[in-house]
PDB file of N, CA and C in Angstrom:
ATOM      1  N   MET A   1     198.135 -23.919  62.180  1.00  0.00           N
ATOM      2  CA  MET A   1     197.666 -22.732  62.633  1.00  0.00           C
ATOM      3  C   MET A   1     196.163 -22.890  62.643  1.00  0.00           C
ATOM      4  N   GLY A   2     195.550 -22.473  64.034  1.00  0.00           N
ATOM      5  CA  GLY A   2     193.893 -22.427  63.948  1.00  0.00           C
ATOM      6  C   GLY A   2     193.460 -21.012  63.156  1.00  0.00           C
ATOM      7  N   LEU A   3     194.183 -20.353  62.640  1.00  0.00           N
ATOM      8  CA  LEU A   3     193.883 -18.706  62.299  1.00  0.00           C
ATOM      9  C   LEU A   3     192.987 -19.088  61.314  1.00  0.00           C
ATOM     10  N   VAL A   4     192.897 -20.018  60.373  1.00  0.00           N
ATOM     11  CA  VAL A   4     191.699 -20.013  59.311  1.00  0.00           C
ATOM     12  C   VAL A   4     190.408 -20.232  59.722  1.00  0.00           C
ATOM     13  N   LEU A   5     190.457 -21.223  60.721  1.00  0.00           N
ATOM     14  CA  LEU A   5     189.453 -21.694  61.364  1.00  0.00           C
ATOM     15  C   LEU A   5     188.846 -20.756  62.355  1.00  0.00           C
ATOM     16  N   PHE A   6     189.465 -19.859  62.845  1.00  0.00           N
ATOM     17  CA  PHE A   6     189.437 -18.565  63.561  1.00  0.00           C
ATOM     18  C   PHE A   6     188.547 -17.651  62.703  1.00  0.00           C
ATOM     19  N   CYS A   7     189.077 -17.414  61.671  1.00  0.00           N
ATOM     20  CA  CYS A   7     188.555 -16.349  60.635  1.00  0.00           C
ATOM     21  C   CYS A   7     187.133 -16.921  60.506  1.00  0.00           C
ATOM     22  N   LYS A   8     187.265 -18.329  60.195  1.00  0.00           N
ATOM     23  CA  LYS A   8     185.614 -18.697  59.609  1.00  0.00           C
ATOM     24  C   LYS A   8     184.650 -18.664  60.889  1.00  0.00           C
ATOM     25  N   ASN A   9     184.993 -18.628  61.944  1.00  0.00           N
ATOM     26  CA  ASN A   9     184.473 -18.534  62.962  1.00  0.00           C
ATOM     27  C   ASN A   9     183.860 -17.184  63.429  1.00  0.00           C
ATOM     28  N   LEU A  10     184.805 -16.389  63.187  1.00  0.00           N
ATOM     29  CA  LEU A  10     184.621 -14.875  63.159  1.00  0.00           C
ATOM     30  C   LEU A  10     183.650 -14.466  62.307  1.00  0.00           C
ATOM     31  N   ARG A  11     183.585 -15.147  61.114  1.00  0.00           N
ATOM     32  CA  ARG A  11     182.685 -14.902  59.755  1.00  0.00           C
ATOM     33  C   ARG A  11     181.335 -15.299  60.102  1.00  0.00           C
ATOM     34  N   SER A  12     181.204 -16.263  60.794  1.00  0.00           N
ATOM     35  CA  SER A  12     180.021 -17.010  61.168  1.00  0.00           C
ATOM     36  C   SER A  12     179.246 -16.036  62.332  1.00  0.00           C
ATOM     37  N   VAL A  13     179.806 -15.791  63.083  1.00  0.00           N
ATOM     38  CA  VAL A  13     179.759 -14.558  64.235  1.00  0.00           C
ATOM     39  C   VAL A  13     179.225 -13.239  63.588  1.00  0.00           C
ATOM     40  N   MET A  14     179.916 -12.751  62.929  1.00  0.00           N
ATOM     41  CA  MET A  14     179.488 -11.658  62.042  1.00  0.00           C
ATOM     42  C   MET A  14     177.988 -11.824  61.337  1.00  0.00           C
ATOM     43  N   SER A  15     177.786 -12.722  60.922  1.00  0.00           N
ATOM     44  CA  SER A  15     176.463 -13.370  60.071  1.00  0.00           C
ATOM     45  C   SER A  15     175.359 -13.228  61.115  1.00  0.00           C
ATOM     46  N   TRP A  16     175.756 -13.784  62.482  1.00  0.00           N
ATOM     47  CA  TRP A  16     174.672 -13.898  63.218  1.00  0.00           C
ATOM     48  C   TRP A  16     174.281 -12.586  63.409  1.00  0.00           C
ATOM     49  N   THR A  17     175.233 -11.891  64.079  1.00  0.00           N
ATOM     50  CA  THR A  17     174.926 -10.471  64.650  1.00  0.00           C
ATOM     51  C   THR A  17     174.464  -9.544  63.847  1.00  0.00           C
ATOM     52  N   GLY A  18     174.852  -9.472  62.592  1.00  0.00           N
ATOM     53  CA  GLY A  18     174.659  -8.749  61.230  1.00  0.00           C
ATOM     54  C   GLY A  18     175.493  -7.585  61.432  1.00  0.00           C
ATOM     55  N   LEU A  19     176.601  -7.583  61.905  1.00  0.00           N
ATOM     56  CA  LEU A  19     177.623  -6.582  62.258  1.00  0.00           C
ATOM     57  C   LEU A  19     178.110  -6.198  60.946  1.00  0.00           C
ATOM     58  N   SER A  20     178.513  -4.493  60.483  1.00  0.00           N
ATOM     59  CA  SER A  20     178.889  -4.287  59.081  1.00  0.00           C
ATOM     60  C   SER A  20     180.555  -4.735  59.085  1.00  0.00           C
ATOM     61  N   SER A  21     181.000  -4.915  57.939  1.00  0.00           N
ATOM     62  CA  SER A  21     182.115  -5.154  57.817  1.00  0.00           C
ATOM     63  C   SER A  21     183.376  -4.107  58.658  1.00  0.00           C
ATOM     64  N   CYS A  22     182.969  -2.984  58.404  1.00  0.00           N
ATOM     65  CA  CYS A  22     183.824  -1.928  59.077  1.00  0.00           C
ATOM     66  C   CYS A  22     184.082  -2.094  60.748  1.00  0.00           C
ATOM     67  N   SER A  23     182.703  -2.251  61.221  1.00  0.00           N
ATOM     68  CA  SER A  23     182.783  -2.559  63.056  1.00  0.00           C
ATOM     69  C   SER A  23     183.159  -3.840  63.268  1.00  0.00           C
ATOM     70  N   PHE A  24     183.168  -4.824  62.430  1.00  0.00           N
ATOM     71  CA  PHE A  24     183.718  -5.925  62.493  1.00  0.00           C
ATOM     72  C   PHE A  24     185.244  -6.133  62.580  1.00  0.00           C
ATOM     73  N   VAL A  25     185.855  -5.130  61.399  1.00  0.00           N
ATOM     74  CA  VAL A  25     187.574  -5.197  61.444  1.00  0.00           C
ATOM     75  C   VAL A  25     187.995  -4.212  62.686  1.00  0.00           C
ATOM     76  N   GLU A  26     187.020  -3.306  63.129  1.00  0.00           N
ATOM     77  CA  GLU A  26     187.524  -2.471  64.514  1.00  0.00           C
ATOM     78  C   GLU A  26     187.654  -3.217  65.806  1.00  0.00           C
ATOM     79  N   GLN A  27     186.500  -4.197  65.797  1.00  0.00           N
ATOM     80  CA  GLN A  27     186.258  -4.978  67.009  1.00  0.00           C
ATOM     81  C   GLN A  27     187.745  -6.086  66.751  1.00  0.00           C
ATOM     82  N   ILE A  28     187.913  -6.552  65.952  1.00  0.00           N
ATOM     83  CA  ILE A  28     189.269  -7.653  65.747  1.00  0.00           C
ATOM     84  C   ILE A  28     190.628  -6.820  66.223  1.00  0.00           C
ATOM     85  N   THR A  29     190.484  -5.433  65.336  1.00  0.00           N
ATOM     86  CA  THR A  29     191.726  -4.936  65.638  1.00  0.00           C
ATOM     87  C   THR A  29     192.151  -4.369  67.172  1.00  0.00           C
ATOM     88  N   SER A  30     190.960  -4.209  67.846  1.00  0.00           N
ATOM     89  CA  SER A  30     191.074  -3.825  68.899  1.00  0.00           C
ATOM     90  C   SER A  30     191.267  -5.232  69.882  1.00  0.00           C
ATOM     91  N   LEU A  31     190.651  -6.266  69.578  1.00  0.00           N
ATOM     92  CA  LEU A  31     190.877  -7.404  70.111  1.00  0.00           C
ATOM     93  C   LEU A  31     192.264  -7.829  70.207  1.00  0.00           C
ATOM     94  N   PHE A  32     192.868  -7.805  69.068  1.00  0.00           N
ATOM     95  CA  PHE A  32     194.047  -8.265  68.861  1.00  0.00           C
ATOM     96  C   PHE A  32     195.156  -7.364  69.576  1.00  0.00           C
ATOM     97  N   GLU A  33     194.847  -5.921  69.941  1.00  0.00           N
ATOM     98  CA  GLU A  33     195.763  -4.928  70.417  1.00  0.00           C
ATOM     99  C   GLU A  33     195.695  -5.264  71.865  1.00  0.00           C
ATOM    100  N   MET A  34     194.369  -5.779  72.555  1.00  0.00           N
ATOM    101  CA  MET A  34     194.391  -6.271  73.692  1.00  0.00           C
ATOM    102  C   MET A  34     195.132  -7.148  74.297  1.00  0.00           C
ATOM    103  N   ASN A  35     195.155  -8.469  73.157  1.00  0.00           N
ATOM    104  CA  ASN A  35     195.753  -9.695  73.520  1.00  0.00           C
ATOM    105  C   ASN A  35     197.341  -9.853  73.325  1.00  0.00           C
ATOM    106  N   TRP A  36     197.761  -8.607  72.376  1.00  0.00           N
ATOM    107  CA  TRP A  36     198.966  -8.559  72.365  1.00  0.00           C
ATOM    108  C   TRP A  36     199.914  -7.826  72.969  1.00  0.00           C
TER     109      TRP A  36
END
């Protein structure tokens, strides 16, 4: 599974954009809801 790599990439993206943890989680949740 590439899920771990996916999470690492998301974490680095979060660092670049300076997003807070809460908004980060909200974006991921909405992203999964859209894709599933």
